[in-house]
């Protein structure tokens, strides 16, 4: 019986030792394994150096007047670091306190390419953009205002009571990269 008891105690000791070693919990901590940060890219949309819009430019039938404006994606050495969609709106309406010169044809061009045309009042909307580039970019647009002659109605728009106002607005939006 003593032998059985000793064997049983030894067996319990062996089982306890094996379980202790295999069920032990080991942990290791690695502090500051990796660090990083992010900063915002530059997003620049400014009026360019070109703006020839003036108030109260006189126009008569058969005449064409041109005005131009430009936008750029840089400010000195700092360049927009993202591609950009440009939404350009040219609003054509009666000048304050006047009636619109309805026969006027307004055309917006980039270079020699016509981007949009409107007769009378309304809006011209243009979609353009700046591609991602390491150098600054500037787009110049020309607004051409033409009064085609029509002898039957031209006299109806003569005088100080008529005027058409043009307003240009530009919105830049970051292009999504998918």
Protein backbone atom coordinates (compact mmCIF):
# COMPACT_ATOMS: atom_id res chain seq x y z
CA UNK A 1 0.00 0.00 0.00
CA UNK A 2 2.87 2.25 0.77
CA UNK A 3 4.21 1.61 -2.64
CA UNK A 4 0.92 2.51 -4.26
CA UNK A 5 0.69 5.68 -2.24
CA UNK A 6 4.22 6.72 -3.21
CA UNK A 7 3.52 5.95 -6.87
CA UNK A 8 0.27 7.90 -6.69
CA UNK A 9 2.02 10.89 -5.09
CA UNK A 10 4.77 10.73 -7.73
CA UNK A 11 2.17 10.50 -10.47
CA UNK A 12 0.29 13.52 -9.07
CA UNK A 13 3.58 15.44 -8.86
CA UNK A 14 4.48 14.63 -12.45
CA UNK A 15 1.00 15.59 -13.74
CA UNK A 16 1.10 18.84 -11.72
CA UNK A 17 4.59 19.69 -13.04
CA UNK A 18 3.64 19.04 -16.65
CA UNK A 19 0.45 21.09 -16.32
CA UNK A 20 2.30 23.93 -14.62
CA UNK A 21 4.77 24.24 -17.46
CA UNK A 22 2.26 23.95 -20.31
CA UNK A 23 -0.40 26.19 -18.83
CA UNK A 24 1.96 28.98 -17.85
CA UNK A 25 1.22 32.44 -19.33
CA UNK A 26 4.08 34.33 -20.93
CA UNK A 27 3.76 37.99 -22.07
CA UNK A 28 6.07 40.38 -23.85
CA UNK A 29 5.40 44.07 -24.58
CA UNK A 30 7.05 46.04 -27.38
CA UNK A 31 6.64 49.76 -26.67
CA UNK A 32 6.43 52.25 -29.56
CA UNK A 33 6.78 49.60 -32.23
CA UNK A 34 5.84 52.11 -34.94
CA UNK A 35 5.00 55.82 -35.06
CA UNK A 36 3.72 58.05 -37.82
CA UNK A 37 1.56 61.03 -38.64
CA UNK A 38 -0.27 62.61 -41.53
CA UNK A 39 -0.50 66.25 -42.59
CA UNK A 40 -2.95 67.93 -44.97
CA UNK A 41 -1.90 68.47 -48.57
CA UNK A 42 -1.93 72.00 -49.90
CA UNK A 43 -5.16 72.91 -51.68
CA UNK A 44 -4.78 76.24 -53.45
CA UNK A 45 -7.18 77.97 -55.82
CA UNK A 46 -6.59 81.67 -56.42
CA UNK A 47 -7.53 84.37 -58.85
CA UNK A 48 -4.81 84.51 -61.46
CA UNK A 49 -3.00 87.56 -62.76
CA UNK A 50 -5.57 88.10 -65.51
CA UNK A 51 -8.80 89.98 -64.81
CA UNK A 52 -9.90 92.53 -67.38
CA UNK A 53 -13.53 92.75 -66.25
CA UNK A 54 -14.65 96.38 -65.88
CA UNK A 55 -17.96 98.06 -65.10
CA UNK A 56 -20.14 99.93 -67.59
CA UNK A 57 -18.38 98.91 -70.80
CA UNK A 58 -20.38 100.45 -73.66
CA UNK A 59 -21.61 98.17 -76.45
CA UNK A 60 -23.76 98.77 -79.53
CA UNK A 61 -25.22 96.48 -82.21
CA UNK A 62 -22.56 94.75 -84.36
CA UNK A 63 -19.89 95.19 -81.66
CA UNK A 64 -18.01 92.55 -79.71
CA UNK A 65 -16.31 93.15 -76.37
CA UNK A 66 -13.96 90.71 -74.67
CA UNK A 67 -13.02 90.32 -71.04
CA UNK A 68 -10.79 87.70 -69.51
CA UNK A 69 -10.03 86.11 -66.17
CA UNK A 70 -7.75 83.38 -64.91
CA UNK A 71 -7.44 81.01 -61.97
CA UNK A 72 -4.34 79.29 -60.67
CA UNK A 73 -3.45 76.46 -58.30
CA UNK A 74 -0.34 77.94 -56.75
CA UNK A 75 0.67 80.78 -54.46
CA UNK A 76 4.29 81.72 -55.00
CA UNK A 77 6.33 78.56 -54.46
CA UNK A 78 3.47 76.62 -52.82
CA UNK A 79 1.56 74.46 -55.32
CA UNK A 80 -1.70 72.58 -54.81
CA UNK A 81 -0.74 68.97 -54.06
CA UNK A 82 -3.93 67.44 -55.36
CA UNK A 83 -5.77 67.27 -58.67
CA UNK A 84 -8.73 69.63 -58.75
CA UNK A 85 -12.09 69.84 -60.52
CA UNK A 86 -13.13 73.39 -61.44
CA UNK A 87 -16.77 74.37 -61.66
CA UNK A 88 -17.05 77.75 -63.37
CA UNK A 89 -20.32 79.64 -63.51
CA UNK A 90 -20.86 82.79 -65.55
CA UNK A 91 -24.15 84.42 -64.52
CA UNK A 92 -25.71 86.77 -67.07
CA UNK A 93 -28.45 89.03 -65.70
CA UNK A 94 -29.88 92.50 -65.94
CA UNK A 95 -27.65 95.10 -64.34
CA UNK A 96 -28.97 96.66 -61.13
CA UNK A 97 -31.85 99.01 -61.90
CA UNK A 98 -31.82 98.21 -65.65
CA UNK A 99 -33.38 95.81 -68.11
CA UNK A 100 -31.15 93.22 -69.76
CA UNK A 101 -29.92 93.65 -73.33
CA UNK A 102 -31.62 90.48 -74.55
CA UNK A 103 -29.87 90.10 -77.96
CA UNK A 104 -26.39 89.81 -76.37
CA UNK A 105 -24.59 86.54 -77.08
CA UNK A 106 -22.08 85.64 -74.35
CA UNK A 107 -19.46 82.99 -75.12
CA UNK A 108 -16.80 81.66 -72.75
CA UNK A 109 -13.60 80.41 -74.40
CA UNK A 110 -10.40 78.75 -73.29
CA UNK A 111 -7.89 79.56 -75.97
CA UNK A 112 -9.83 79.28 -79.20
CA UNK A 113 -12.22 76.61 -77.92
CA UNK A 114 -15.74 77.76 -77.02
CA UNK A 115 -16.79 76.15 -73.72
CA UNK A 116 -20.31 77.58 -73.49
CA UNK A 117 -22.66 80.13 -75.03
CA UNK A 118 -25.82 81.87 -73.88
CA UNK A 119 -28.11 84.47 -75.45
CA UNK A 120 -29.91 87.02 -73.27
CA UNK A 121 -29.86 86.15 -69.57
CA UNK A 122 -29.02 82.89 -67.80
CA UNK A 123 -25.89 81.00 -66.85
CA UNK A 124 -23.02 79.27 -68.53
CA UNK A 125 -21.52 76.40 -66.53
CA UNK A 126 -18.13 74.95 -67.36
CA UNK A 127 -16.35 71.90 -66.00
CA UNK A 128 -12.57 72.13 -66.11
CA UNK A 129 -9.76 71.20 -63.79
CA UNK A 130 -6.15 71.14 -62.81
CA UNK A 131 -4.30 67.84 -63.21
CA UNK A 132 -1.92 66.83 -60.44
CA UNK A 133 1.40 68.38 -61.37
CA UNK A 134 4.58 69.43 -59.59
CA UNK A 135 4.52 72.83 -61.29
CA UNK A 136 1.89 75.52 -60.78
CA UNK A 137 -0.80 75.87 -63.40
CA UNK A 138 -2.97 78.77 -64.53
CA UNK A 139 -6.02 78.65 -66.83
CA UNK A 140 -7.11 81.78 -68.66
CA UNK A 141 -10.66 82.17 -69.95
CA UNK A 142 -12.05 84.79 -72.34
CA UNK A 143 -15.64 86.00 -72.13
CA UNK A 144 -16.79 87.34 -75.47
CA UNK A 145 -19.90 89.57 -75.51
CA UNK A 146 -21.38 90.05 -78.96
CA UNK A 147 -24.41 92.10 -79.98
CA UNK A 148 -25.47 90.73 -83.36
CA UNK A 149 -27.33 93.37 -85.32
CA UNK A 150 -31.01 92.96 -85.96
CA UNK A 151 -32.42 96.20 -87.36
CA UNK A 152 -35.96 95.19 -86.32
CA UNK A 153 -35.21 95.05 -82.55
CA UNK A 154 -31.92 96.86 -81.92
CA UNK A 155 -33.63 100.18 -81.18
CA UNK A 156 -35.69 98.49 -78.42
CA UNK A 157 -32.51 98.13 -76.29
CA UNK A 158 -30.97 101.56 -76.78
CA UNK A 159 -30.23 103.92 -73.93
CA UNK A 160 -29.29 104.07 -70.27
CA UNK A 161 -32.23 101.91 -69.17
CA UNK A 162 -30.55 98.76 -70.50
CA UNK A 163 -27.53 96.90 -69.19
CA UNK A 164 -26.35 93.35 -68.66
CA UNK A 165 -24.17 92.30 -65.74
CA UNK A 166 -21.75 89.36 -65.82
CA UNK A 167 -20.61 87.59 -62.66
CA UNK A 168 -18.03 84.81 -62.65
CA UNK A 169 -17.65 82.34 -59.80
CA UNK A 170 -15.25 79.40 -59.58
CA UNK A 171 -15.36 76.46 -57.19
CA UNK A 172 -12.45 74.04 -56.85
CA UNK A 173 -13.03 70.51 -55.58
CA UNK A 174 -10.42 67.86 -54.85
CA UNK A 175 -10.70 64.96 -57.27
CA UNK A 176 -11.35 61.65 -55.58
CA UNK A 177 -8.65 59.06 -55.97
CA UNK A 178 -10.19 55.60 -56.14
